[in-house]
Amino acid sequence: MSLREYEFFHGVAIARLLSIATTLEVTRRDDIGTGCYALNRAIGVIIKYATARLTPWSFTFQAAHKGALCKLAAIYPQLLVLLVCNDDGIVALDYASALLLVGSGAGNASISVFRRPREMYSVSGTFGKLPRKLGDIEYARQLLTPSP
């Protein structure tokens, strides 16, 4: 049986999370939606990926994806949206940032991620733009790295 494309990208995202967390329990949440997971029974995760080799990377959020975001946010106290930008890196968003970009309505929306060489990621969406650039998997690092 050959490997599926999503297995590569989801595997990369989970491996990156494992590289920054001391302990990580990963549970698939197919009952909520495709690409949905739970970390340590406390953090909801949705993974989206773009296969384009070059920036900008585009991520479509259909009504089902937006519904999955809301369901995860209702169950878990923390939420991570991981946007895998092919082999360049991963942008990690919290729930509030994701909603700012894709809105809460039923229609489709998208998120676009742009990065110039040796710079951080600029992130914009159908309904807004993040006010600052983000580092590779920055928000996930904040959630999963223990405070000193």
C-alpha atoms as a PDB file:
ATOM      1  CA  MET A   1       0.000   0.000   0.000  1.00  0.00           C
ATOM      2  CA  SER A   2       1.494   3.326  -1.012  1.00  0.00           C
ATOM      3  CA  LEU A   3       1.690   6.286   1.321  1.00  0.00           C
ATOM      4  CA  ARG A   4      -0.827   9.068   0.883  1.00  0.00           C
ATOM      5  CA  GLU A   5       0.200  12.699   0.491  1.00  0.00           C
ATOM      6  CA  TYR A   6      -1.554  13.806   3.685  1.00  0.00           C
ATOM      7  CA  GLU A   7       0.372  11.163   5.664  1.00  0.00           C
ATOM      8  CA  PHE A   8       3.646  12.890   4.770  1.00  0.00           C
ATOM      9  CA  PHE A   9       2.474  16.358   5.748  1.00  0.00           C
ATOM     10  CA  HIS A  10       0.609  15.323   8.902  1.00  0.00           C
ATOM     11  CA  GLY A  11       3.621  13.218   9.901  1.00  0.00           C
ATOM     12  CA  VAL A  12       5.947  16.189   9.455  1.00  0.00           C
ATOM     13  CA  ALA A  13       3.677  18.381  11.597  1.00  0.00           C
ATOM     14  CA  ILE A  14       3.429  15.803  14.374  1.00  0.00           C
ATOM     15  CA  ALA A  15       7.183  15.133  14.254  1.00  0.00           C
ATOM     16  CA  ARG A  16       7.835  18.879  14.615  1.00  0.00           C
ATOM     17  CA  LEU A  17       5.509  19.011  17.634  1.00  0.00           C
ATOM     18  CA  LEU A  18       7.352  16.038  19.146  1.00  0.00           C
ATOM     19  CA  SER A  19      10.637  17.899  18.720  1.00  0.00           C
ATOM     20  CA  ILE A  20       9.466  20.709  21.018  1.00  0.00           C
ATOM     21  CA  ALA A  21       7.306  18.862  23.567  1.00  0.00           C
ATOM     22  CA  THR A  22       8.657  16.884  26.483  1.00  0.00           C
ATOM     23  CA  THR A  23       5.640  14.585  26.386  1.00  0.00           C
ATOM     24  CA  LEU A  24       3.022  14.340  23.687  1.00  0.00           C
ATOM     25  CA  GLU A  25      -0.036  12.126  23.462  1.00  0.00           C
ATOM     26  CA  VAL A  26      -1.597  12.388  19.985  1.00  0.00           C
ATOM     27  CA  THR A  27      -5.173  11.259  19.363  1.00  0.00           C
ATOM     28  CA  ARG A  28      -6.834  11.297  15.933  1.00  0.00           C
ATOM     29  CA  ARG A  29     -10.211  13.039  15.939  1.00  0.00           C
ATOM     30  CA  ASP A  30     -11.687  11.823  12.642  1.00  0.00           C
ATOM     31  CA  ASP A  31     -15.102  12.154  14.300  1.00  0.00           C
ATOM     32  CA  ILE A  32     -14.634  15.946  14.146  1.00  0.00           C
ATOM     33  CA  GLY A  33     -13.016  16.206  10.729  1.00  0.00           C
ATOM     34  CA  THR A  34     -10.149  15.272   8.455  1.00  0.00           C
ATOM     35  CA  GLY A  35      -6.806  16.445   9.800  1.00  0.00           C
ATOM     36  CA  CYS A  36      -8.108  16.889  13.357  1.00  0.00           C
ATOM     37  CA  TYR A  37      -6.158  15.689  16.379  1.00  0.00           C
ATOM     38  CA  ALA A  38      -5.932  16.187  20.122  1.00  0.00           C
ATOM     39  CA  LEU A  39      -2.665  16.683  21.995  1.00  0.00           C
ATOM     40  CA  ASN A  40      -2.353  15.603  25.610  1.00  0.00           C
ATOM     41  CA  ARG A  41      -6.179  15.596  25.807  1.00  0.00           C
ATOM     42  CA  ALA A  42      -6.071  19.390  26.180  1.00  0.00           C
ATOM     43  CA  ILE A  43      -5.121  20.929  22.823  1.00  0.00           C
ATOM     44  CA  GLY A  44      -7.209  20.596  19.680  1.00  0.00           C
ATOM     45  CA  VAL A  45      -5.247  20.554  16.413  1.00  0.00           C
ATOM     46  CA  ILE A  46      -6.214  20.894  12.783  1.00  0.00           C
ATOM     47  CA  ILE A  47      -3.498  20.330  10.176  1.00  0.00           C
ATOM     48  CA  LYS A  48      -3.705  21.791   6.673  1.00  0.00           C
ATOM     49  CA  TYR A  49      -0.945  21.584   4.085  1.00  0.00           C
ATOM     50  CA  ALA A  50       0.063  23.236   0.821  1.00  0.00           C
ATOM     51  CA  THR A  51       2.057  21.372  -1.814  1.00  0.00           C
ATOM     52  CA  ALA A  52       3.261  24.441  -3.726  1.00  0.00           C
ATOM     53  CA  ARG A  53       7.058  24.565  -3.721  1.00  0.00           C
ATOM     54  CA  LEU A  54       7.270  28.351  -3.489  1.00  0.00           C
ATOM     55  CA  THR A  55       5.638  31.111  -1.510  1.00  0.00           C
ATOM     56  CA  PRO A  56       2.831  32.153  -1.217  1.00  0.00           C
ATOM     57  CA  TRP A  57       1.146  29.033   0.126  1.00  0.00           C
ATOM     58  CA  SER A  58      -2.635  28.953   0.057  1.00  0.00           C
ATOM     59  CA  PHE A  59      -4.939  27.035   2.413  1.00  0.00           C
ATOM     60  CA  THR A  60      -8.675  26.732   1.689  1.00  0.00           C
ATOM     61  CA  PHE A  61     -11.115  26.503   4.582  1.00  0.00           C
ATOM     62  CA  GLN A  62     -14.431  25.121   3.425  1.00  0.00           C
ATOM     63  CA  ALA A  63     -17.494  25.196   5.668  1.00  0.00           C
ATOM     64  CA  ALA A  64     -16.604  21.726   7.032  1.00  0.00           C
ATOM     65  CA  HIS A  65     -13.108  22.908   8.030  1.00  0.00           C
ATOM     66  CA  LYS A  66     -14.524  25.970   9.769  1.00  0.00           C
ATOM     67  CA  GLY A  67     -17.046  23.739  11.542  1.00  0.00           C
ATOM     68  CA  ALA A  68     -14.219  21.472  12.700  1.00  0.00           C
ATOM     69  CA  LEU A  69     -12.390  24.512  14.097  1.00  0.00           C
ATOM     70  CA  CYS A  70     -15.465  25.495  16.119  1.00  0.00           C
ATOM     71  CA  LYS A  71     -16.030  21.928  17.378  1.00  0.00           C
ATOM     72  CA  LEU A  72     -12.405  21.585  18.469  1.00  0.00           C
ATOM     73  CA  ALA A  73     -12.533  24.973  20.208  1.00  0.00           C
ATOM     74  CA  ALA A  74     -15.686  23.917  22.085  1.00  0.00           C
ATOM     75  CA  ILE A  75     -14.017  20.734  23.371  1.00  0.00           C
ATOM     76  CA  TYR A  76     -10.418  21.774  24.078  1.00  0.00           C
ATOM     77  CA  PRO A  77      -9.178  24.765  26.092  1.00  0.00           C
ATOM     78  CA  GLN A  78      -6.412  25.433  23.534  1.00  0.00           C
ATOM     79  CA  LEU A  79      -6.464  25.162  19.747  1.00  0.00           C
ATOM     80  CA  LEU A  80      -3.667  24.956  17.188  1.00  0.00           C
ATOM     81  CA  VAL A  81      -4.100  25.417  13.458  1.00  0.00           C
ATOM     82  CA  LEU A  82      -0.962  24.075  11.772  1.00  0.00           C
ATOM     83  CA  LEU A  83      -0.331  25.255   8.215  1.00  0.00           C
ATOM     84  CA  VAL A  84       2.391  23.118   6.646  1.00  0.00           C
ATOM     85  CA  CYS A  85       4.072  25.157   3.898  1.00  0.00           C
ATOM     86  CA  ASN A  86       5.435  22.239   1.877  1.00  0.00           C
ATOM     87  CA  ASP A  87       9.067  21.697   2.992  1.00  0.00           C
ATOM     88  CA  ASP A  88       9.633  25.328   4.062  1.00  0.00           C
ATOM     89  CA  GLY A  89       8.120  25.306   7.556  1.00  0.00           C
ATOM     90  CA  ILE A  90       4.936  25.346   9.606  1.00  0.00           C
ATOM     91  CA  VAL A  91       2.826  28.292  10.676  1.00  0.00           C
ATOM     92  CA  ALA A  92       0.960  27.711  13.943  1.00  0.00           C
ATOM     93  CA  LEU A  93      -2.141  29.796  14.709  1.00  0.00           C
ATOM     94  CA  ASP A  94      -4.356  29.993  17.748  1.00  0.00           C
ATOM     95  CA  TYR A  95      -8.153  29.925  17.451  1.00  0.00           C
ATOM     96  CA  ALA A  96      -8.599  33.719  17.631  1.00  0.00           C
ATOM     97  CA  SER A  97      -6.063  34.296  14.844  1.00  0.00           C
ATOM     98  CA  ALA A  98      -7.632  31.616  12.651  1.00  0.00           C
ATOM     99  CA  LEU A  99     -11.087  33.167  13.096  1.00  0.00           C
ATOM    100  CA  LEU A 100      -9.730  36.616  12.282  1.00  0.00           C
ATOM    101  CA  LEU A 101      -8.438  35.237   8.973  1.00  0.00           C
ATOM    102  CA  VAL A 102     -11.282  32.936   7.866  1.00  0.00           C
ATOM    103  CA  GLY A 103     -14.294  34.393   9.691  1.00  0.00           C
ATOM    104  CA  SER A 104     -16.995  32.439  11.468  1.00  0.00           C
ATOM    105  CA  GLY A 105     -19.627  32.398   8.714  1.00  0.00           C
ATOM    106  CA  ALA A 106     -20.616  29.376   6.654  1.00  0.00           C
ATOM    107  CA  GLY A 107     -18.879  30.351   3.389  1.00  0.00           C
ATOM    108  CA  ASN A 108     -15.490  29.227   2.140  1.00  0.00           C
ATOM    109  CA  ALA A 109     -12.407  31.246   3.062  1.00  0.00           C
ATOM    110  CA  SER A 110      -8.673  30.980   2.619  1.00  0.00           C
ATOM    111  CA  ILE A 111      -5.400  31.760   4.338  1.00  0.00           C
ATOM    112  CA  SER A 112      -2.314  32.826   2.437  1.00  0.00           C
ATOM    113  CA  VAL A 113       1.192  32.491   3.885  1.00  0.00           C
ATOM    114  CA  PHE A 114       4.100  34.406   2.399  1.00  0.00           C
ATOM    115  CA  ARG A 115       7.781  34.356   3.342  1.00  0.00           C
ATOM    116  CA  ARG A 116      10.765  36.120   1.842  1.00  0.00           C
ATOM    117  CA  PRO A 117      14.155  34.390   2.205  1.00  0.00           C
ATOM    118  CA  ARG A 118      15.543  34.606   5.755  1.00  0.00           C
ATOM    119  CA  GLU A 119      12.386  36.319   7.059  1.00  0.00           C
ATOM    120  CA  MET A 120       9.417  35.194   9.136  1.00  0.00           C
ATOM    121  CA  TYR A 121       5.957  34.338   7.770  1.00  0.00           C
ATOM    122  CA  SER A 122       3.346  36.954   6.803  1.00  0.00           C
ATOM    123  CA  VAL A 123      -0.164  35.568   7.150  1.00  0.00           C
ATOM    124  CA  SER A 124      -3.371  36.958   5.668  1.00  0.00           C
ATOM    125  CA  GLY A 125      -6.824  35.572   5.057  1.00  0.00           C
ATOM    126  CA  THR A 126     -10.143  36.312   3.421  1.00  0.00           C
ATOM    127  CA  PHE A 127     -11.216  38.476   6.369  1.00  0.00           C
ATOM    128  CA  GLY A 128      -8.000  39.997   7.664  1.00  0.00           C
ATOM    129  CA  LYS A 129      -4.259  39.966   8.166  1.00  0.00           C
ATOM    130  CA  LEU A 130      -2.171  39.174  11.207  1.00  0.00           C
ATOM    131  CA  PRO A 131      -0.525  42.327  12.577  1.00  0.00           C
ATOM    132  CA  ARG A 132       2.917  40.747  12.925  1.00  0.00           C
ATOM    133  CA  LYS A 133       5.025  38.119  11.209  1.00  0.00           C
ATOM    134  CA  LEU A 134       5.337  34.661  12.754  1.00  0.00           C
ATOM    135  CA  GLY A 135       8.304  32.375  13.257  1.00  0.00           C
ATOM    136  CA  ASP A 136       8.294  28.710  12.326  1.00  0.00           C
ATOM    137  CA  ILE A 137       5.751  26.884  14.542  1.00  0.00           C
ATOM    138  CA  GLU A 138       6.027  29.767  17.036  1.00  0.00           C
ATOM    139  CA  TYR A 139       2.631  29.517  18.782  1.00  0.00           C
ATOM    140  CA  ALA A 140       2.914  25.726  19.188  1.00  0.00           C
ATOM    141  CA  ARG A 141       6.326  26.235  20.791  1.00  0.00           C
ATOM    142  CA  GLN A 142       4.740  28.604  23.328  1.00  0.00           C
ATOM    143  CA  LEU A 143       2.004  26.082  24.169  1.00  0.00           C
ATOM    144  CA  LEU A 144       4.158  22.981  24.393  1.00  0.00           C
ATOM    145  CA  THR A 145       7.373  24.249  25.950  1.00  0.00           C
ATOM    146  CA  PRO A 146       7.265  24.188  29.755  1.00  0.00           C
ATOM    147  CA  SER A 147       7.757  27.534  31.486  1.00  0.00           C
ATOM    148  CA  PRO A 148      10.960  27.850  33.526  1.00  0.00           C
END
